Amino acid sequence: MTEAVAELAAAPGSKSEQAYQAVKARIIEGTYTPGYRLVLGSIAKDLGFSVVPVREAIRRLEAEGLVTFERNVGATVAGIDPTEYLYTMQTLSIVEGAATALSAPLIDSVAIARARAVNEEMRECLDHFDPVRFTRLNQDFHSVLFEHCPNPHILDLVHRGWNRLAALRSSTFRFVPGRAHDSVDEHEALLKLIETGADADSIEKAARLHRSATLDAYLAQAKH
């Protein structure tokens, strides 16, 4: 049994959902890199499915911006050019900042403890830096803070932003590893604002500056 099939054996939901989760995981983790051609027949054979659920999964990933269709090529893993990265990060800093501020009054002590535990895992990860694991933990941390957002439209925009970044996020902290240390410290500061009942404007500003700082670090490194 291949690793992919083993993963699917434990995955819930329809075959389409399982195929979606499997292919998306490989894109985010970098197994399928930007430009990688997604051959439906090969993926279906690897997963032990027919082509139909794989095709449905690929269409979902295209809607999320992780896959593109090219004439005479077919489905390929999408990349994010520097301009797209800039626009996506700028937008995400705004909508995620708003989502975090709106979520703050609804985040209880249990959620705070969970987020802090994830952040401590990120801190431990710094000693033997694994950018893919760090990025996964980073999303877990932020999800605790913005998933309580009562405005579904803002939350949808946040999810779309994270999906656009998914293919590139695994390499962002590899590109600017020094940013990872600052990010962990900023996470703790953000948690303290939330648990002490800081006003919405202060929380939103802190969340936006946190996101913008990663963008600034990336752009500064790119110039060199």
N, C-alpha and C. Protein backbone atom coordinates (compact mmCIF):
# COMPACT_ATOMS: atom_id res chain seq x y z
N MET A 1 0.85 -1.20 0.00
CA MET A 1 0.00 0.00 0.00
C MET A 1 0.89 1.25 0.00
N THR A 2 0.64 2.17 -0.95
CA THR A 2 1.44 3.39 -1.01
C THR A 2 1.09 4.32 0.13
N GLU A 3 1.94 5.32 0.37
CA GLU A 3 1.68 6.28 1.45
C GLU A 3 0.37 7.02 1.19
N ALA A 4 0.13 7.38 -0.09
CA ALA A 4 -1.10 8.10 -0.43
C ALA A 4 -2.33 7.27 -0.12
N VAL A 5 -2.29 5.97 -0.51
CA VAL A 5 -3.44 5.11 -0.27
C VAL A 5 -3.63 4.89 1.22
N ALA A 6 -2.51 4.78 1.96
CA ALA A 6 -2.60 4.59 3.41
C ALA A 6 -3.28 5.78 4.06
N GLU A 7 -2.95 7.00 3.58
CA GLU A 7 -3.57 8.21 4.12
C GLU A 7 -5.08 8.20 3.86
N LEU A 8 -5.44 7.79 2.65
CA LEU A 8 -6.85 7.81 2.27
C LEU A 8 -7.66 6.78 3.02
N ALA A 9 -7.01 5.70 3.43
CA ALA A 9 -7.72 4.65 4.15
C ALA A 9 -8.30 5.18 5.45
N ALA A 10 -7.65 6.20 6.00
CA ALA A 10 -8.11 6.78 7.27
C ALA A 10 -8.88 8.07 7.07
N ALA A 11 -9.02 8.52 5.82
CA ALA A 11 -9.66 9.80 5.56
C ALA A 11 -11.17 9.65 5.44
N PRO A 12 -11.93 10.56 6.08
CA PRO A 12 -13.40 10.49 6.02
C PRO A 12 -13.92 11.14 4.74
N GLY A 13 -15.19 10.93 4.46
CA GLY A 13 -15.84 11.63 3.37
C GLY A 13 -15.81 10.87 2.06
N SER A 14 -16.33 11.52 1.03
CA SER A 14 -16.42 10.92 -0.29
C SER A 14 -15.05 10.75 -0.91
N LYS A 15 -15.00 10.00 -2.00
CA LYS A 15 -13.74 9.82 -2.72
C LYS A 15 -13.24 11.15 -3.27
N SER A 16 -14.18 11.98 -3.71
CA SER A 16 -13.81 13.30 -4.21
C SER A 16 -13.14 14.12 -3.11
N GLU A 17 -13.71 14.08 -1.89
CA GLU A 17 -13.15 14.82 -0.76
C GLU A 17 -11.78 14.27 -0.39
N GLN A 18 -11.65 12.96 -0.40
CA GLN A 18 -10.37 12.34 -0.06
C GLN A 18 -9.29 12.70 -1.09
N ALA A 19 -9.67 12.68 -2.36
CA ALA A 19 -8.73 13.05 -3.42
C ALA A 19 -8.32 14.51 -3.28
N TYR A 20 -9.30 15.35 -2.97
CA TYR A 20 -9.04 16.78 -2.77
C TYR A 20 -8.03 17.00 -1.65
N GLN A 21 -8.26 16.34 -0.51
CA GLN A 21 -7.38 16.51 0.64
C GLN A 21 -5.96 16.00 0.32
N ALA A 22 -5.88 14.88 -0.38
CA ALA A 22 -4.58 14.29 -0.70
C ALA A 22 -3.77 15.18 -1.64
N VAL A 23 -4.41 15.65 -2.71
CA VAL A 23 -3.70 16.49 -3.68
C VAL A 23 -3.34 17.84 -3.07
N LYS A 24 -4.25 18.41 -2.31
CA LYS A 24 -3.99 19.70 -1.68
C LYS A 24 -2.81 19.60 -0.71
N ALA A 25 -2.75 18.51 0.05
CA ALA A 25 -1.65 18.32 1.00
C ALA A 25 -0.31 18.27 0.28
N ARG A 26 -0.29 17.62 -0.87
CA ARG A 26 0.97 17.52 -1.62
C ARG A 26 1.40 18.85 -2.22
N ILE A 27 0.42 19.68 -2.55
CA ILE A 27 0.75 21.02 -3.07
C ILE A 27 1.32 21.88 -1.94
N ILE A 28 0.65 21.87 -0.79
CA ILE A 28 1.07 22.70 0.33
C ILE A 28 2.43 22.27 0.87
N GLU A 29 2.65 20.95 0.92
CA GLU A 29 3.91 20.44 1.46
C GLU A 29 5.06 20.51 0.47
N GLY A 30 4.74 20.84 -0.79
CA GLY A 30 5.81 20.99 -1.77
C GLY A 30 6.13 19.74 -2.56
N THR A 31 5.37 18.66 -2.36
CA THR A 31 5.58 17.45 -3.16
C THR A 31 5.24 17.75 -4.62
N TYR A 32 4.13 18.46 -4.81
CA TYR A 32 3.77 18.96 -6.13
C TYR A 32 4.16 20.45 -6.16
N THR A 33 5.22 20.77 -6.83
CA THR A 33 5.75 22.14 -6.85
C THR A 33 5.06 22.98 -7.92
N PRO A 34 5.19 24.32 -7.85
CA PRO A 34 4.59 25.19 -8.87
C PRO A 34 5.03 24.77 -10.27
N GLY A 35 4.04 24.62 -11.17
CA GLY A 35 4.32 24.20 -12.53
C GLY A 35 4.21 22.70 -12.75
N TYR A 36 4.09 21.94 -11.63
CA TYR A 36 3.99 20.48 -11.74
C TYR A 36 2.71 20.11 -12.46
N ARG A 37 2.82 19.21 -13.46
CA ARG A 37 1.65 18.82 -14.23
C ARG A 37 0.89 17.74 -13.49
N LEU A 38 -0.40 17.97 -13.27
CA LEU A 38 -1.26 17.04 -12.55
C LEU A 38 -1.96 16.13 -13.56
N VAL A 39 -1.40 14.95 -13.76
CA VAL A 39 -1.97 13.98 -14.70
C VAL A 39 -3.05 13.19 -13.98
N LEU A 40 -4.29 13.38 -14.38
CA LEU A 40 -5.42 12.79 -13.66
C LEU A 40 -5.31 11.27 -13.55
N GLY A 41 -4.96 10.62 -14.65
CA GLY A 41 -4.87 9.18 -14.65
C GLY A 41 -3.83 8.66 -13.68
N SER A 42 -2.69 9.32 -13.62
CA SER A 42 -1.61 8.89 -12.72
C SER A 42 -2.01 9.08 -11.26
N ILE A 43 -2.63 10.22 -10.96
CA ILE A 43 -3.06 10.49 -9.59
C ILE A 43 -4.14 9.50 -9.18
N ALA A 44 -5.09 9.25 -10.08
CA ALA A 44 -6.17 8.32 -9.79
C ALA A 44 -5.62 6.92 -9.50
N LYS A 45 -4.65 6.49 -10.30
CA LYS A 45 -4.05 5.17 -10.10
C LYS A 45 -3.33 5.11 -8.76
N ASP A 46 -2.62 6.18 -8.42
CA ASP A 46 -1.88 6.22 -7.16
C ASP A 46 -2.83 6.15 -5.96
N LEU A 47 -3.98 6.81 -6.09
CA LEU A 47 -4.94 6.84 -4.98
C LEU A 47 -5.90 5.66 -4.98
N GLY A 48 -5.90 4.91 -6.07
CA GLY A 48 -6.80 3.77 -6.14
C GLY A 48 -8.22 4.15 -6.47
N PHE A 49 -8.40 5.29 -7.15
CA PHE A 49 -9.72 5.79 -7.51
C PHE A 49 -9.88 5.80 -9.03
N SER A 50 -11.11 6.08 -9.48
CA SER A 50 -11.33 6.36 -10.90
C SER A 50 -10.92 7.81 -11.13
N VAL A 51 -10.93 8.22 -12.38
CA VAL A 51 -10.54 9.59 -12.72
C VAL A 51 -11.58 10.61 -12.25
N VAL A 52 -12.85 10.20 -12.17
CA VAL A 52 -13.94 11.14 -11.87
C VAL A 52 -13.74 11.92 -10.56
N PRO A 53 -13.52 11.27 -9.40
CA PRO A 53 -13.34 12.05 -8.17
C PRO A 53 -12.08 12.89 -8.19
N VAL A 54 -11.06 12.44 -8.90
CA VAL A 54 -9.82 13.23 -9.00
C VAL A 54 -10.08 14.49 -9.80
N ARG A 55 -10.85 14.36 -10.89
CA ARG A 55 -11.19 15.53 -11.70
C ARG A 55 -11.98 16.55 -10.87
N GLU A 56 -12.92 16.06 -10.06
CA GLU A 56 -13.70 16.95 -9.20
C GLU A 56 -12.80 17.65 -8.19
N ALA A 57 -11.84 16.92 -7.66
CA ALA A 57 -10.91 17.50 -6.69
C ALA A 57 -10.07 18.59 -7.33
N ILE A 58 -9.60 18.33 -8.55
CA ILE A 58 -8.77 19.31 -9.25
C ILE A 58 -9.57 20.58 -9.54
N ARG A 59 -10.85 20.43 -9.87
CA ARG A 59 -11.69 21.61 -10.12
C ARG A 59 -11.85 22.45 -8.87
N ARG A 60 -11.98 21.79 -7.72
CA ARG A 60 -12.06 22.54 -6.45
C ARG A 60 -10.77 23.30 -6.19
N LEU A 61 -9.65 22.67 -6.46
CA LEU A 61 -8.35 23.31 -6.24
C LEU A 61 -8.14 24.46 -7.21
N GLU A 62 -8.70 24.33 -8.41
CA GLU A 62 -8.62 25.44 -9.37
C GLU A 62 -9.41 26.63 -8.85
N ALA A 63 -10.60 26.37 -8.30
CA ALA A 63 -11.43 27.45 -7.76
C ALA A 63 -10.73 28.16 -6.60
N GLU A 64 -9.88 27.43 -5.87
CA GLU A 64 -9.15 28.01 -4.74
C GLU A 64 -7.86 28.70 -5.18
N GLY A 65 -7.51 28.57 -6.45
CA GLY A 65 -6.31 29.23 -6.95
C GLY A 65 -5.04 28.42 -6.81
N LEU A 66 -5.16 27.15 -6.41
CA LEU A 66 -3.97 26.32 -6.25
C LEU A 66 -3.59 25.59 -7.54
N VAL A 67 -4.54 25.51 -8.47
CA VAL A 67 -4.31 24.81 -9.73
C VAL A 67 -4.76 25.70 -10.88
N THR A 68 -4.04 25.64 -11.98
CA THR A 68 -4.43 26.37 -13.18
C THR A 68 -4.50 25.40 -14.35
N PHE A 69 -5.28 25.77 -15.37
CA PHE A 69 -5.36 24.97 -16.59
C PHE A 69 -4.69 25.73 -17.72
N GLU A 70 -3.77 25.08 -18.40
CA GLU A 70 -3.06 25.69 -19.52
C GLU A 70 -3.38 24.93 -20.80
N ARG A 71 -3.55 25.67 -21.85
CA ARG A 71 -3.88 25.05 -23.15
C ARG A 71 -2.76 24.13 -23.57
N ASN A 72 -3.12 22.97 -24.06
CA ASN A 72 -2.19 21.94 -24.53
C ASN A 72 -1.30 21.37 -23.43
N VAL A 73 -1.57 21.74 -22.18
CA VAL A 73 -0.79 21.23 -21.06
C VAL A 73 -1.70 20.52 -20.06
N GLY A 74 -2.81 21.16 -19.74
CA GLY A 74 -3.74 20.59 -18.77
C GLY A 74 -3.59 21.24 -17.42
N ALA A 75 -3.90 20.50 -16.37
CA ALA A 75 -3.86 21.04 -15.01
C ALA A 75 -2.44 21.06 -14.48
N THR A 76 -2.03 22.20 -13.94
CA THR A 76 -0.71 22.33 -13.33
C THR A 76 -0.84 23.05 -12.00
N VAL A 77 0.12 22.83 -11.13
CA VAL A 77 0.13 23.51 -9.84
C VAL A 77 0.46 24.98 -10.06
N ALA A 78 -0.36 25.85 -9.52
CA ALA A 78 -0.17 27.29 -9.71
C ALA A 78 0.99 27.80 -8.87
N GLY A 79 1.67 28.77 -9.42
CA GLY A 79 2.70 29.47 -8.67
C GLY A 79 2.18 30.85 -8.31
N ILE A 80 2.89 31.56 -7.47
CA ILE A 80 2.51 32.94 -7.12
C ILE A 80 3.67 33.85 -7.47
N ASP A 81 3.44 34.72 -8.43
CA ASP A 81 4.53 35.63 -8.79
C ASP A 81 4.63 36.72 -7.71
N PRO A 82 5.77 37.46 -7.69
CA PRO A 82 5.97 38.46 -6.63
C PRO A 82 4.84 39.48 -6.51
N THR A 83 4.28 39.89 -7.65
CA THR A 83 3.20 40.88 -7.61
C THR A 83 1.95 40.28 -6.98
N GLU A 84 1.63 39.02 -7.35
CA GLU A 84 0.47 38.35 -6.77
C GLU A 84 0.66 38.14 -5.28
N TYR A 85 1.90 37.80 -4.90
CA TYR A 85 2.19 37.61 -3.48
C TYR A 85 1.99 38.91 -2.72
N LEU A 86 2.47 40.01 -3.29
CA LEU A 86 2.32 41.33 -2.67
C LEU A 86 0.85 41.67 -2.46
N TYR A 87 0.05 41.54 -3.51
CA TYR A 87 -1.37 41.89 -3.42
C TYR A 87 -2.11 40.98 -2.44
N THR A 88 -1.78 39.69 -2.46
CA THR A 88 -2.46 38.74 -1.58
C THR A 88 -2.13 39.03 -0.12
N MET A 89 -0.86 39.29 0.18
CA MET A 89 -0.46 39.57 1.55
C MET A 89 -1.05 40.89 2.04
N GLN A 90 -1.11 41.90 1.17
CA GLN A 90 -1.70 43.17 1.56
C GLN A 90 -3.19 42.99 1.89
N THR A 91 -3.88 42.23 1.04
CA THR A 91 -5.30 41.99 1.27
C THR A 91 -5.52 41.17 2.53
N LEU A 92 -4.70 40.14 2.71
CA LEU A 92 -4.85 39.27 3.87
C LEU A 92 -4.58 40.02 5.17
N SER A 93 -3.65 40.95 5.14
CA SER A 93 -3.36 41.72 6.36
C SER A 93 -4.59 42.50 6.79
N ILE A 94 -5.37 42.97 5.82
CA ILE A 94 -6.57 43.75 6.13
C ILE A 94 -7.70 42.85 6.62
N VAL A 95 -8.01 41.81 5.84
CA VAL A 95 -9.17 40.98 6.19
C VAL A 95 -8.89 40.09 7.39
N GLU A 96 -7.66 39.59 7.52
CA GLU A 96 -7.36 38.75 8.68
C GLU A 96 -7.28 39.59 9.95
N GLY A 97 -6.79 40.83 9.81
CA GLY A 97 -6.77 41.73 10.96
C GLY A 97 -8.18 42.00 11.45
N ALA A 98 -9.10 42.24 10.51
CA ALA A 98 -10.49 42.48 10.87
C ALA A 98 -11.12 41.23 11.49
N ALA A 99 -10.85 40.07 10.90
CA ALA A 99 -11.42 38.81 11.40
C ALA A 99 -10.92 38.52 12.82
N THR A 100 -9.65 38.78 13.07
CA THR A 100 -9.08 38.53 14.39
C THR A 100 -9.70 39.46 15.43
N ALA A 101 -9.88 40.72 15.07
CA ALA A 101 -10.49 41.69 15.99
C ALA A 101 -11.93 41.32 16.31
N LEU A 102 -12.68 40.88 15.29
CA LEU A 102 -14.07 40.49 15.50
C LEU A 102 -14.17 39.19 16.31
N SER A 103 -13.17 38.33 16.15
CA SER A 103 -13.15 37.05 16.87
C SER A 103 -12.81 37.22 18.35
N ALA A 104 -11.97 38.21 18.64
CA ALA A 104 -11.38 38.35 19.98
C ALA A 104 -12.36 38.19 21.14
N PRO A 105 -13.53 38.86 21.11
CA PRO A 105 -14.45 38.72 22.26
C PRO A 105 -15.01 37.31 22.41
N LEU A 106 -14.91 36.50 21.35
CA LEU A 106 -15.47 35.15 21.36
C LEU A 106 -14.43 34.07 21.65
N ILE A 107 -13.18 34.49 21.81
CA ILE A 107 -12.09 33.53 22.07
C ILE A 107 -11.97 33.32 23.57
N ASP A 108 -12.25 32.11 24.01
CA ASP A 108 -12.21 31.83 25.45
C ASP A 108 -10.82 31.36 25.89
N SER A 109 -10.69 31.09 27.17
CA SER A 109 -9.40 30.71 27.74
C SER A 109 -8.89 29.38 27.17
N VAL A 110 -9.81 28.50 26.82
CA VAL A 110 -9.42 27.20 26.24
C VAL A 110 -8.76 27.42 24.88
N ALA A 111 -9.35 28.30 24.07
CA ALA A 111 -8.79 28.60 22.75
C ALA A 111 -7.45 29.31 22.88
N ILE A 112 -7.35 30.21 23.84
CA ILE A 112 -6.09 30.91 24.09
C ILE A 112 -5.00 29.90 24.45
N ALA A 113 -5.33 28.97 25.32
CA ALA A 113 -4.36 27.94 25.74
C ALA A 113 -3.94 27.09 24.55
N ARG A 114 -4.89 26.76 23.68
CA ARG A 114 -4.57 25.96 22.50
C ARG A 114 -3.63 26.73 21.57
N ALA A 115 -3.93 28.00 21.34
CA ALA A 115 -3.07 28.82 20.48
C ALA A 115 -1.68 28.97 21.07
N ARG A 116 -1.61 29.15 22.38
CA ARG A 116 -0.31 29.30 23.03
C ARG A 116 0.51 28.01 22.95
N ALA A 117 -0.17 26.88 23.04
CA ALA A 117 0.52 25.59 22.93
C ALA A 117 1.10 25.41 21.52
N VAL A 118 0.34 25.82 20.53
CA VAL A 118 0.83 25.74 19.15
C VAL A 118 2.04 26.66 18.97
N ASN A 119 1.95 27.86 19.56
CA ASN A 119 3.05 28.81 19.44
C ASN A 119 4.33 28.28 20.11
N GLU A 120 4.16 27.54 21.20
CA GLU A 120 5.32 26.95 21.86
C GLU A 120 5.93 25.86 20.98
N GLU A 121 5.10 25.13 20.26
CA GLU A 121 5.63 24.14 19.30
C GLU A 121 6.43 24.86 18.22
N MET A 122 5.95 26.02 17.81
CA MET A 122 6.67 26.80 16.80
C MET A 122 8.01 27.27 17.35
N ARG A 123 8.03 27.66 18.62
CA ARG A 123 9.27 28.12 19.24
C ARG A 123 10.29 26.97 19.30
N GLU A 124 9.80 25.78 19.65
CA GLU A 124 10.68 24.61 19.70
C GLU A 124 11.20 24.25 18.32
N CYS A 125 10.39 24.51 17.32
CA CYS A 125 10.75 24.21 15.93
C CYS A 125 11.91 25.07 15.43
N LEU A 126 12.14 26.19 16.10
CA LEU A 126 13.19 27.12 15.66
C LEU A 126 14.58 26.52 15.83
N ASP A 127 14.76 25.63 16.82
CA ASP A 127 16.08 25.06 17.09
C ASP A 127 16.58 24.20 15.93
N HIS A 128 15.69 23.43 15.35
CA HIS A 128 16.03 22.60 14.18
C HIS A 128 14.98 22.94 13.13
N PHE A 129 15.19 24.07 12.48
CA PHE A 129 14.13 24.70 11.70
C PHE A 129 13.64 23.85 10.54
N ASP A 130 12.33 23.61 10.56
CA ASP A 130 11.63 22.89 9.50
C ASP A 130 10.56 23.84 8.97
N PRO A 131 10.82 24.54 7.84
CA PRO A 131 9.89 25.55 7.36
C PRO A 131 8.50 25.02 7.02
N VAL A 132 8.41 23.78 6.55
CA VAL A 132 7.11 23.22 6.20
C VAL A 132 6.28 23.00 7.47
N ARG A 133 6.90 22.40 8.50
CA ARG A 133 6.18 22.18 9.77
C ARG A 133 5.86 23.51 10.43
N PHE A 134 6.80 24.45 10.38
CA PHE A 134 6.58 25.76 10.99
C PHE A 134 5.39 26.45 10.34
N THR A 135 5.32 26.36 9.02
CA THR A 135 4.21 26.99 8.30
C THR A 135 2.89 26.36 8.65
N ARG A 136 2.86 25.03 8.78
CA ARG A 136 1.64 24.33 9.15
C ARG A 136 1.17 24.77 10.54
N LEU A 137 2.12 24.86 11.47
CA LEU A 137 1.79 25.30 12.82
C LEU A 137 1.33 26.75 12.82
N ASN A 138 1.94 27.56 11.98
CA ASN A 138 1.57 28.97 11.88
C ASN A 138 0.11 29.13 11.46
N GLN A 139 -0.31 28.33 10.50
CA GLN A 139 -1.71 28.40 10.08
C GLN A 139 -2.62 27.89 11.19
N ASP A 140 -2.20 26.84 11.90
CA ASP A 140 -3.00 26.34 13.02
C ASP A 140 -3.19 27.43 14.07
N PHE A 141 -2.11 28.15 14.35
CA PHE A 141 -2.18 29.22 15.34
C PHE A 141 -3.19 30.29 14.93
N HIS A 142 -3.03 30.79 13.71
CA HIS A 142 -3.91 31.87 13.27
C HIS A 142 -5.36 31.42 13.12
N SER A 143 -5.55 30.15 12.77
CA SER A 143 -6.91 29.64 12.63
C SER A 143 -7.67 29.75 13.95
N VAL A 144 -6.98 29.50 15.06
CA VAL A 144 -7.63 29.62 16.37
C VAL A 144 -8.14 31.04 16.58
N LEU A 145 -7.40 32.01 16.06
CA LEU A 145 -7.74 33.41 16.29
C LEU A 145 -8.80 33.96 15.33
N PHE A 146 -8.81 33.50 14.09
CA PHE A 146 -9.78 34.10 13.17
C PHE A 146 -11.03 33.25 12.91
N GLU A 147 -11.00 31.96 13.27
CA GLU A 147 -12.14 31.09 12.95
C GLU A 147 -13.40 31.44 13.75
N HIS A 148 -13.25 32.22 14.83
CA HIS A 148 -14.42 32.63 15.61
C HIS A 148 -15.12 33.84 14.99
N CYS A 149 -14.59 34.35 13.89
CA CYS A 149 -15.16 35.56 13.27
C CYS A 149 -16.64 35.35 12.95
N PRO A 150 -17.51 36.20 13.46
CA PRO A 150 -18.95 36.04 13.24
C PRO A 150 -19.42 36.51 11.87
N ASN A 151 -18.54 37.18 11.12
CA ASN A 151 -18.91 37.66 9.78
C ASN A 151 -18.43 36.64 8.74
N PRO A 152 -19.35 35.86 8.16
CA PRO A 152 -18.94 34.79 7.23
C PRO A 152 -18.28 35.30 5.96
N HIS A 153 -18.62 36.52 5.54
CA HIS A 153 -18.03 37.07 4.32
C HIS A 153 -16.55 37.40 4.53
N ILE A 154 -16.24 38.01 5.67
CA ILE A 154 -14.85 38.31 5.98
C ILE A 154 -14.07 37.02 6.16
N LEU A 155 -14.67 36.04 6.84
CA LEU A 155 -13.99 34.76 7.07
C LEU A 155 -13.71 34.06 5.74
N ASP A 156 -14.63 34.14 4.81
CA ASP A 156 -14.42 33.55 3.48
C ASP A 156 -13.23 34.19 2.77
N LEU A 157 -13.10 35.51 2.90
CA LEU A 157 -11.97 36.21 2.28
C LEU A 157 -10.65 35.79 2.91
N VAL A 158 -10.66 35.56 4.22
CA VAL A 158 -9.45 35.10 4.90
C VAL A 158 -9.05 33.72 4.37
N HIS A 159 -10.02 32.82 4.27
CA HIS A 159 -9.74 31.48 3.76
C HIS A 159 -9.19 31.53 2.34
N ARG A 160 -9.76 32.39 1.53
CA ARG A 160 -9.29 32.52 0.14
C ARG A 160 -7.85 33.02 0.11
N GLY A 161 -7.53 33.96 0.99
CA GLY A 161 -6.16 34.47 1.04
C GLY A 161 -5.16 33.40 1.42
N TRP A 162 -5.50 32.62 2.45
CA TRP A 162 -4.61 31.52 2.86
C TRP A 162 -4.46 30.49 1.75
N ASN A 163 -5.54 30.21 1.03
CA ASN A 163 -5.47 29.24 -0.06
C ASN A 163 -4.57 29.73 -1.19
N ARG A 164 -4.63 31.03 -1.48
CA ARG A 164 -3.77 31.58 -2.53
C ARG A 164 -2.29 31.47 -2.15
N LEU A 165 -2.03 31.61 -0.87
CA LEU A 165 -0.64 31.56 -0.40
C LEU A 165 -0.13 30.14 -0.18
N ALA A 166 -1.04 29.17 -0.16
CA ALA A 166 -0.68 27.82 0.26
C ALA A 166 0.52 27.24 -0.48
N ALA A 167 0.55 27.41 -1.79
CA ALA A 167 1.64 26.82 -2.57
C ALA A 167 2.97 27.46 -2.27
N LEU A 168 2.95 28.73 -1.87
CA LEU A 168 4.20 29.46 -1.62
C LEU A 168 4.58 29.48 -0.16
N ARG A 169 3.61 29.37 0.73
CA ARG A 169 3.88 29.52 2.16
C ARG A 169 4.92 28.55 2.68
N SER A 170 4.99 27.34 2.09
CA SER A 170 5.96 26.35 2.58
C SER A 170 7.38 26.83 2.39
N SER A 171 7.60 27.77 1.47
CA SER A 171 8.97 28.23 1.23
C SER A 171 9.21 29.65 1.75
N THR A 172 8.17 30.32 2.22
CA THR A 172 8.33 31.70 2.67
C THR A 172 9.30 31.80 3.83
N PHE A 173 9.10 30.99 4.87
CA PHE A 173 9.98 31.05 6.03
C PHE A 173 11.35 30.46 5.74
N ARG A 174 11.43 29.61 4.70
CA ARG A 174 12.75 29.13 4.28
C ARG A 174 13.53 30.28 3.65
N PHE A 175 12.79 31.15 2.96
CA PHE A 175 13.41 32.27 2.27
C PHE A 175 13.85 33.36 3.25
N VAL A 176 13.05 33.56 4.30
CA VAL A 176 13.39 34.55 5.33
C VAL A 176 13.29 33.89 6.70
N PRO A 177 14.19 32.94 7.01
CA PRO A 177 14.10 32.19 8.28
C PRO A 177 14.18 33.06 9.52
N GLY A 178 14.87 34.19 9.44
CA GLY A 178 14.98 35.07 10.60
C GLY A 178 13.63 35.63 11.01
N ARG A 179 12.72 35.72 10.07
CA ARG A 179 11.38 36.23 10.34
C ARG A 179 10.61 35.29 11.28
N ALA A 180 10.95 34.02 11.26
CA ALA A 180 10.25 33.03 12.08
C ALA A 180 10.39 33.35 13.57
N HIS A 181 11.57 33.77 14.00
CA HIS A 181 11.80 34.09 15.42
C HIS A 181 10.90 35.26 15.85
N ASP A 182 10.89 36.32 15.03
CA ASP A 182 10.07 37.48 15.36
C ASP A 182 8.59 37.12 15.35
N SER A 183 8.20 36.24 14.44
CA SER A 183 6.80 35.86 14.30
C SER A 183 6.27 35.22 15.58
N VAL A 184 7.08 34.34 16.18
CA VAL A 184 6.67 33.67 17.41
C VAL A 184 6.46 34.69 18.54
N ASP A 185 7.37 35.65 18.65
CA ASP A 185 7.24 36.68 19.69
C ASP A 185 5.99 37.54 19.46
N GLU A 186 5.71 37.86 18.20
CA GLU A 186 4.53 38.66 17.88
C GLU A 186 3.24 37.89 18.16
N HIS A 187 3.29 36.58 17.99
CA HIS A 187 2.13 35.76 18.33
C HIS A 187 1.78 35.88 19.81
N GLU A 188 2.80 35.80 20.65
CA GLU A 188 2.57 35.89 22.08
C GLU A 188 2.01 37.27 22.46
N ALA A 189 2.54 38.31 21.83
CA ALA A 189 2.04 39.66 22.11
C ALA A 189 0.57 39.79 21.71
N LEU A 190 0.22 39.17 20.58
CA LEU A 190 -1.16 39.21 20.10
C LEU A 190 -2.09 38.46 21.07
N LEU A 191 -1.64 37.33 21.58
CA LEU A 191 -2.43 36.56 22.54
C LEU A 191 -2.67 37.36 23.82
N LYS A 192 -1.65 38.08 24.26
CA LYS A 192 -1.80 38.88 25.48
C LYS A 192 -2.81 40.00 25.29
N LEU A 193 -2.84 40.58 24.11
CA LEU A 193 -3.83 41.62 23.82
C LEU A 193 -5.25 41.05 23.91
N ILE A 194 -5.42 39.86 23.35
CA ILE A 194 -6.75 39.24 23.33
C ILE A 194 -7.19 38.83 24.72
N GLU A 195 -6.30 38.18 25.49
CA GLU A 195 -6.71 37.67 26.80
C GLU A 195 -6.86 38.77 27.84
N THR A 196 -6.28 39.94 27.59
CA THR A 196 -6.45 41.06 28.53
C THR A 196 -7.59 41.98 28.12
N GLY A 197 -8.30 41.62 27.05
CA GLY A 197 -9.46 42.39 26.64
C GLY A 197 -9.13 43.72 26.00
N ALA A 198 -8.04 43.77 25.25
CA ALA A 198 -7.67 45.01 24.55
C ALA A 198 -8.77 45.39 23.57
N ASP A 199 -8.83 46.67 23.22
CA ASP A 199 -9.88 47.13 22.31
C ASP A 199 -9.65 46.58 20.90
N ALA A 200 -10.71 46.54 20.12
CA ALA A 200 -10.68 45.94 18.79
C ALA A 200 -9.65 46.60 17.87
N ASP A 201 -9.54 47.93 17.96
CA ASP A 201 -8.59 48.64 17.10
C ASP A 201 -7.16 48.20 17.37
N SER A 202 -6.80 48.01 18.64
CA SER A 202 -5.44 47.60 18.99
C SER A 202 -5.15 46.19 18.49
N ILE A 203 -6.13 45.30 18.62
CA ILE A 203 -5.95 43.92 18.16
C ILE A 203 -5.84 43.87 16.64
N GLU A 204 -6.70 44.61 15.97
CA GLU A 204 -6.67 44.62 14.50
C GLU A 204 -5.34 45.19 14.00
N LYS A 205 -4.86 46.26 14.62
CA LYS A 205 -3.60 46.87 14.22
C LYS A 205 -2.44 45.90 14.42
N ALA A 206 -2.42 45.21 15.56
CA ALA A 206 -1.34 44.25 15.84
C ALA A 206 -1.35 43.11 14.84
N ALA A 207 -2.54 42.60 14.52
CA ALA A 207 -2.66 41.50 13.56
C ALA A 207 -2.22 41.94 12.16
N ARG A 208 -2.60 43.17 11.79
CA ARG A 208 -2.21 43.67 10.47
C ARG A 208 -0.71 43.90 10.38
N LEU A 209 -0.13 44.48 11.42
CA LEU A 209 1.32 44.73 11.41
C LEU A 209 2.11 43.42 11.40
N HIS A 210 1.59 42.42 12.07
CA HIS A 210 2.22 41.10 12.09
C HIS A 210 2.30 40.53 10.68
N ARG A 211 1.19 40.60 9.95
CA ARG A 211 1.16 40.10 8.58
C ARG A 211 2.05 40.95 7.67
N SER A 212 1.98 42.26 7.83
CA SER A 212 2.77 43.17 6.99
C SER A 212 4.27 42.99 7.21
N ALA A 213 4.66 42.65 8.43
CA ALA A 213 6.08 42.46 8.74
C ALA A 213 6.66 41.29 7.97
N THR A 214 5.87 40.24 7.79
CA THR A 214 6.32 39.09 7.00
C THR A 214 6.49 39.50 5.54
N LEU A 215 5.54 40.26 5.04
CA LEU A 215 5.63 40.74 3.66
C LEU A 215 6.86 41.63 3.49
N ASP A 216 7.09 42.55 4.43
CA ASP A 216 8.23 43.46 4.34
C ASP A 216 9.55 42.69 4.35
N ALA A 217 9.64 41.66 5.20
CA ALA A 217 10.86 40.84 5.28
C ALA A 217 11.09 40.11 3.96
N TYR A 218 10.03 39.59 3.39
CA TYR A 218 10.13 38.87 2.12
C TYR A 218 10.58 39.80 1.00
N LEU A 219 9.98 40.98 0.93
CA LEU A 219 10.32 41.93 -0.14
C LEU A 219 11.75 42.45 0.02
N ALA A 220 12.16 42.68 1.27
CA ALA A 220 13.53 43.16 1.50
C ALA A 220 14.55 42.13 1.07
N GLN A 221 14.27 40.85 1.37
CA GLN A 221 15.18 39.78 0.96
C GLN A 221 15.19 39.61 -0.55
N ALA A 222 14.01 39.77 -1.17
CA ALA A 222 13.90 39.59 -2.62
C ALA A 222 14.73 40.62 -3.38
N LYS A 223 14.89 41.81 -2.80
CA LYS A 223 15.69 42.85 -3.47
C LYS A 223 17.15 42.46 -3.59
N HIS A 224 17.59 41.56 -2.68
CA HIS A 224 18.98 41.14 -2.67
C HIS A 224 19.19 39.83 -3.43
